[in-house]
Structure formats: C-alpha cells, structure tokens
Protein backbone atom coordinates (compact mmCIF):
# COMPACT_ATOMS: atom_id res chain seq x y z
CA MET A 1 219.61 219.67 168.46
CA ALA A 2 217.74 220.19 165.72
CA PHE A 3 220.11 222.28 163.97
CA PHE A 4 222.79 219.79 163.83
CA ASN A 5 220.28 216.89 162.41
CA ASP A 6 219.73 219.36 159.51
CA TYR A 7 223.24 219.68 159.16
CA PHE A 8 223.95 216.39 158.89
CA LYS A 9 220.79 215.73 156.51
CA TYR A 10 222.33 219.10 154.32
CA ARG A 11 226.18 217.45 154.60
CA LYS A 12 224.32 214.33 153.29
CA LYS A 13 222.55 215.79 150.30
CA LEU A 14 225.76 217.52 149.03
CA ASP A 15 227.56 213.99 149.22
CA SER A 16 225.68 210.64 150.28
CA SER A 17 228.78 209.07 151.23
CA PHE A 18 228.93 210.85 154.09
CA SER A 19 228.26 209.56 157.43
CA TYR A 20 227.77 210.42 161.22
CA GLU A 21 231.37 207.89 161.45
CA MET A 22 232.52 210.48 158.69
CA TRP A 23 231.38 213.20 160.73
CA ALA A 24 233.17 211.89 163.60
CA LEU A 25 236.36 211.03 162.76
CA GLU A 26 236.18 215.20 160.70
CA LEU A 27 235.01 216.06 164.32
CA GLY A 28 238.19 214.61 165.80
CA PHE A 29 236.12 211.80 168.01
CA LYS A 30 237.78 208.54 168.63
CA SER A 31 233.54 207.37 168.86
CA LYS A 32 232.28 206.94 165.87
CA ALA A 33 228.53 206.82 167.55
CA THR A 34 229.78 210.62 168.85
CA ALA A 35 227.55 212.82 165.94
CA ARG A 36 224.65 210.19 165.79
CA MET A 37 224.33 210.28 169.14
CA ILE A 38 223.43 213.84 169.37
CA CYS A 39 221.69 214.72 166.11
CA GLN A 40 219.55 212.11 167.58
CA GLY A 41 219.27 213.73 171.51
CA GLN A 42 220.75 210.04 172.48
CA ARG A 43 223.29 212.02 174.57
CA ASN A 44 224.49 216.45 175.41
CA ILE A 45 226.17 218.39 172.55
CA THR A 46 229.39 219.13 175.03
CA ASP A 47 231.87 222.20 174.61
CA THR A 48 234.03 219.98 173.44
CA PHE A 49 232.00 219.17 169.80
CA LEU A 50 231.12 222.97 169.94
CA ASN A 51 234.09 224.15 169.56
CA SER A 52 235.01 221.80 167.26
CA PHE A 53 232.01 222.16 164.48
CA SER A 54 232.62 225.80 165.09
CA SER A 55 236.69 225.77 164.07
CA ILE A 56 235.64 223.57 161.13
CA GLU A 57 232.82 225.43 159.82
CA LYS A 58 234.74 229.07 160.59
CA LEU A 59 231.97 230.14 163.06
CA SER A 60 232.40 233.88 163.78
CA SER A 61 232.09 234.37 167.91
CA ASP A 62 228.64 235.28 167.57
CA ASP A 63 227.52 232.29 165.57
CA GLN A 64 229.24 230.51 168.41
CA ASP A 65 227.13 232.00 171.31
CA TYR A 66 224.00 231.78 169.62
CA LEU A 67 224.65 227.82 169.25
CA GLN A 68 225.33 228.02 173.02
CA LEU A 69 222.23 229.46 173.79
CA LEU A 70 220.51 227.23 172.07
CA ASN A 71 222.08 224.72 173.73
CA PHE A 72 221.30 225.70 176.84
CA TYR A 73 217.79 226.56 176.12
CA GLN A 74 217.34 222.81 174.75
CA LEU A 75 218.81 221.21 178.48
CA ALA A 76 216.81 223.30 180.33
CA LYS A 77 214.61 221.52 182.64
CA THR A 78 212.28 224.13 183.81
CA THR A 79 209.90 226.67 181.98
CA THR A 80 211.78 229.61 184.22
CA LEU A 81 215.14 228.49 183.06
CA LYS A 82 213.76 227.94 179.53
CA LYS A 83 212.55 231.17 178.96
CA CYS A 84 215.52 233.82 180.80
CA LEU A 85 217.50 231.68 178.14
CA LEU A 86 215.39 232.55 175.39
CA GLU A 87 214.98 236.50 176.49
CA LYS A 88 218.86 236.50 176.50
CA ILE A 89 218.43 234.74 173.15
CA ILE A 90 216.43 237.75 171.95
CA GLU A 91 218.58 240.33 173.39
CA LYS A 92 221.77 238.64 171.73
CA PHE A 93 220.39 238.65 168.59
CA ASP A 94 217.64 240.48 167.35
CA ILE A 95 217.09 238.99 163.98
CA SER A 96 215.09 242.07 162.92
CA GLN A 97 218.09 244.27 163.18
CA SER A 98 220.10 242.16 160.11
CA GLN A 99 216.78 242.43 158.29
CA GLN A 100 216.88 244.35 154.51
CA ASN A 101 213.74 246.40 153.08
CA VAL A 102 213.02 244.65 149.86
CA LYS A 103 213.72 247.98 147.48
CA ASN A 104 210.15 247.71 145.48
CA TYR A 105 207.58 245.87 147.49
CA ILE A 106 204.74 246.37 145.70
CA LYS A 107 206.33 244.46 142.70
CA PHE A 108 207.83 241.99 145.40
CA LEU A 109 204.68 241.44 147.25
CA SER A 110 201.93 241.78 143.59
CA SER A 111 201.97 237.80 144.67
CA ILE A 112 201.53 236.16 147.69
CA ASP A 113 204.16 233.12 145.59
CA ILE A 114 207.06 235.74 145.69
CA PRO A 115 207.75 235.66 148.92
CA ILE A 116 207.71 232.11 149.02
CA ILE A 117 209.99 231.33 146.11
CA GLN A 118 212.25 234.23 147.94
CA LEU A 119 212.43 231.63 150.85
CA LEU A 120 212.18 228.49 149.29
CA ILE A 121 215.91 229.70 147.27
CA SER A 122 217.31 231.00 150.92
CA PHE A 123 217.44 227.13 152.36
CA ASP A 124 220.71 225.96 151.76
CA ASP A 125 220.05 222.53 151.36
CA PHE A 126 217.07 223.68 148.53
CA VAL A 127 218.61 222.97 144.97
CA ALA A 128 216.67 225.82 143.63
CA THR A 129 215.82 224.73 139.61
CA GLU A 130 212.84 225.99 137.61
CA ASN A 131 211.97 222.09 138.03
CA ASN A 132 212.07 221.47 141.43
CA LEU A 133 210.51 225.00 141.92
CA MET A 134 207.35 224.04 139.83
CA SER A 135 207.27 220.82 141.43
CA ILE A 136 207.51 221.82 145.41
CA LEU A 137 204.85 225.20 143.87
CA GLN A 138 202.18 223.30 142.01
CA THR A 139 202.58 226.10 139.14
CA ASP A 140 203.51 226.34 135.88
CA ILE A 141 206.30 227.62 133.95
CA THR A 142 204.52 231.14 132.20
CA THR A 143 203.91 232.53 136.24
CA LEU A 144 207.20 230.35 137.73
CA GLN A 145 209.08 232.65 134.97
CA LYS A 146 207.08 235.81 135.42
CA ASN A 147 207.55 235.66 139.32
CA LEU A 148 211.74 234.68 139.92
CA LYS A 149 212.66 237.53 136.45
CA ILE A 150 210.39 240.02 139.76
CA LEU A 151 212.41 238.75 142.44
CA GLU A 152 215.84 238.83 139.88
CA GLU A 153 214.97 242.91 138.57
CA LEU A 154 214.63 243.52 142.84
CA ASP A 155 218.23 241.95 143.12
CA LEU A 156 217.47 239.84 145.04
CA ILE A 157 218.00 236.14 143.77
CA LYS A 158 220.59 235.23 140.83
CA LYS A 159 220.94 233.05 138.44
CA LEU A 160 223.30 230.11 138.06
CA LEU A 161 224.41 229.14 134.18
CA PRO A 162 223.72 225.21 133.81
CA THR A 163 227.55 223.62 133.68
CA HIS A 164 227.27 220.75 131.55
CA LEU A 165 224.23 218.99 131.88
CA GLU A 166 223.28 220.30 134.51
CA GLU A 167 220.10 221.94 134.80
CA ALA A 168 220.55 226.05 135.97
CA LYS A 169 219.21 226.85 138.81
CA TRP A 170 218.72 230.59 141.49
CA ILE A 171 220.19 230.93 144.51
CA THR A 172 219.82 234.18 147.11
CA LYS A 173 220.75 237.29 146.93
CA ASN A 174 219.26 238.27 150.43
CA LYS A 175 218.20 235.32 153.32
CA LEU A 176 217.21 237.98 155.86
CA PHE A 177 214.78 240.81 154.08
CA LYS A 178 210.83 242.16 155.47
CA ILE A 179 208.80 245.18 154.25
CA PRO A 180 208.72 248.39 154.77
CA GLY A 181 205.25 249.31 154.56
CA GLU A 182 202.55 249.71 156.87
CA ILE A 183 199.46 248.20 156.99
CA SER A 184 197.48 251.66 155.05
CA ASP A 185 199.78 251.02 151.79
CA PRO A 186 197.18 249.73 149.08
CA ALA A 187 200.27 247.01 148.24
CA LEU A 188 200.36 245.63 151.65
CA ALA A 189 197.07 245.81 151.88
CA LEU A 190 196.04 243.60 148.80
CA PHE A 191 198.93 241.98 150.26
CA HIS A 192 196.83 240.32 153.12
CA GLN A 193 193.73 240.55 151.49
CA GLU A 194 194.88 237.30 149.15
CA THR A 195 196.24 235.57 152.33
CA MET A 196 193.04 235.94 153.87
CA CYS A 197 191.44 233.77 150.58
CA GLU A 198 194.74 231.35 151.03
CA ALA A 199 194.26 230.61 154.80
CA LEU A 200 189.99 230.39 153.87
CA ASN A 201 190.83 228.26 150.86
CA LYS A 202 192.73 226.43 153.51
CA ALA A 203 189.86 226.80 156.08
CA CYS A 204 187.59 224.48 153.31
CA ALA A 205 190.26 221.56 152.90
CA ILE A 206 189.97 219.87 155.94
CA SER A 207 193.53 218.19 157.08
CA LYS A 208 195.82 217.36 160.73
CA GLU A 209 198.54 220.31 159.06
CA HIS A 210 195.75 223.05 158.95
CA LYS A 211 195.28 224.67 162.69
CA PHE A 212 192.82 227.31 162.81
CA ARG A 213 192.23 229.00 166.80
CA THR A 214 190.39 232.17 167.77
CA LEU A 215 190.59 234.27 171.06
CA TYR A 216 189.13 237.21 172.11
CA PHE A 217 190.19 239.57 174.29
CA SER A 218 188.59 243.42 175.65
CA LEU A 219 191.93 245.63 175.00
CA ASP A 220 191.36 249.76 175.63
CA GLU A 221 193.80 252.19 173.46
CA GLU A 222 196.73 251.27 176.18
CA SER A 223 195.91 247.62 176.38
CA PHE A 224 195.85 247.64 172.05
CA ASN A 225 199.37 248.37 172.35
CA ASP A 226 200.63 246.43 174.24
CA PHE A 227 199.07 243.19 173.03
CA ILE A 228 201.08 244.69 169.72
CA LEU A 229 204.45 244.64 171.28
CA THR A 230 203.74 241.41 172.74
CA LEU A 231 203.04 240.67 168.87
CA ASN A 232 206.19 241.12 167.94
CA ASP A 233 208.04 239.82 170.76
CA MET A 234 206.55 236.67 170.45
CA ALA A 235 207.43 236.70 166.24
CA ASN A 236 210.81 237.65 167.28
CA ARG A 237 210.86 233.96 169.85
CA LEU A 238 209.16 232.37 167.46
CA LYS A 239 211.92 233.11 165.01
CA VAL A 240 214.62 232.56 167.38
CA LYS A 241 213.13 228.74 167.96
CA TYR A 242 212.38 227.58 164.33
CA CYS A 243 214.13 229.44 161.25
CA ASN A 244 216.70 228.00 159.85
CA ASN A 245 218.79 227.36 156.61
CA TYR A 246 217.60 224.15 155.89
CA ILE A 247 214.35 222.46 154.81
CA SER A 248 215.13 218.89 153.46
CA ASP A 249 212.44 216.34 154.46
CA LYS A 250 209.98 219.76 155.84
CA LYS A 251 207.55 221.91 154.96
CA LEU A 252 207.02 225.21 154.19
CA TYR A 253 204.50 226.80 156.63
CA LYS A 254 202.18 229.41 156.70
CA PHE A 255 201.40 231.21 159.80
CA ASN A 256 199.13 234.73 159.84
CA PHE A 257 198.85 237.01 162.80
CA GLN A 258 194.94 239.19 163.17
CA LEU A 259 193.79 241.40 165.14
CA TYR A 260 190.71 243.62 164.83
CA PRO A 261 188.03 244.75 166.57
CA VAL A 262 184.49 243.19 166.34
CA THR A 263 182.00 245.82 168.40
CA GLY A 264 182.19 249.25 169.22
CA LYS A 265 183.34 251.18 171.91
CA VAL A 266 181.39 249.87 174.72
CA CYS A 267 180.56 253.64 176.66
CA PHE A 268 177.65 252.97 179.97
C-alpha cells in the first residue's frame, strides 16, 4: 500500500538510520524483511501488521477502519468489488464533513499561490522553511513573505522560531479546508480566471506531465444537475484514493474541472 511506503520515507527523513529491519522489529515481527516486502508490494498486508502499526501509532478505531478498507480495496481483484469498497470508504469517511471553511476566502484567493503554500506546509514530511518554499515554488522572498503573512492572519499557519542554527519553519493549523463561496462571487471568479490562465500557460509548454482532455455532452437541466452530482462524487473518490500527508519524492499536481455550454438551447 502506498500509504506505508510514504510512511517509511517519512520516518527515514526524520531519522536517516531508520530501516525496514528496525521497523519490522518495532512492529514485533521476527522476519526483518516483512516491512520491506509490504512496502514494495511483495507481500499482502495482514491484520497482525495493521494491528501492530495501529497500536504503535495510537490510531483511533476510525483510522484503523480506514486503513483496513484501503487494504481491502488494494487487494480486490474485480472492478465490481473495488467499486463496492470505494463506495464504503466514501460513505464512512466523507472528507467534506471534516473540512473547515476559510474565514476570509477573499484574502485566501488573492493569489493562486496561497492555496499551494497552505497545502505544502500541511504535508508531514515537508520542512516548510522560507528557503525550501522559495525553491519549490520558484518565487521571490518578498512575494512569499506577503503570502505567508496572509495565511498567518487567516489563522491557517503559524511560525516556529528557530533554535540554535536551524532555520525558522512554518506549520499548518488547519490541514482540511474549503472555500465556501459560489462561482458568482467576484473573488472566486477571479481565482478561476487566473487558474485558466495558468492552465493555458501549461498547455503552451509541452510536457508529458501536462494532461488535457475535452469531452462534449448534450444535457438538459435535469441531466446537468445529475452531472454536477457525479463530478462531486468523483472529486470525493479522488480525495479518498490519492490524498495523503506525504510529498517526499512527489510533485504537487492540480486538477481542474470546467463545465459550460458551448451552444444555445436547441429547439425544433
């Protein structure tokens, strides 16, 4: 399971001496290769492994259920079973319910970089120093500090003062957030306009990592509303499947939804 591979990388980053062998012993397994084989997909995750991991990490019963369902999903052999398990995951863990509204979303949306900075700081394995943020965002210190100040004023992040020779770093105060506004809101409309400009620039820069696809559908009002519900459901599925707390050896991707009419109503 990708989760445990990410977890191992996170522990390794915290302590360079941490190894699969050390982890196996920590979990109480006689075979030192157990943790490595699970992370590399060479061995299925057992209840014993999940119980040991949950006990050491002091996971709640809901968190344990979540890991168990993800494990069942990964082991499922048929599309039908995978679909049933994914429905169960979404039913039990509706991410939208735990998201908090951003208090002043007008400020939050004043730059398309601000949500990205908030997300980067929220990853457990990302050391959010200003130098690291400037490097990964390819921005200047003045712009970065301006955006960090906005996030701090919104009570979304806080600064940890440096100790000894270490550089000051930022940590999140709210990992799960959402924007309460509607598309008719000028601030949200401007954010989406800037996002479209960003996507246009990506389309002009040819890369295997830039994926674009266009589909056309004929929809009446009822099917349009149903389509929106389907998009919301798909968004939840993507969150459940791909959202996690680690970014080491990864890139942060942005996935946009756009749906709009390209003709007037056809009447005969």
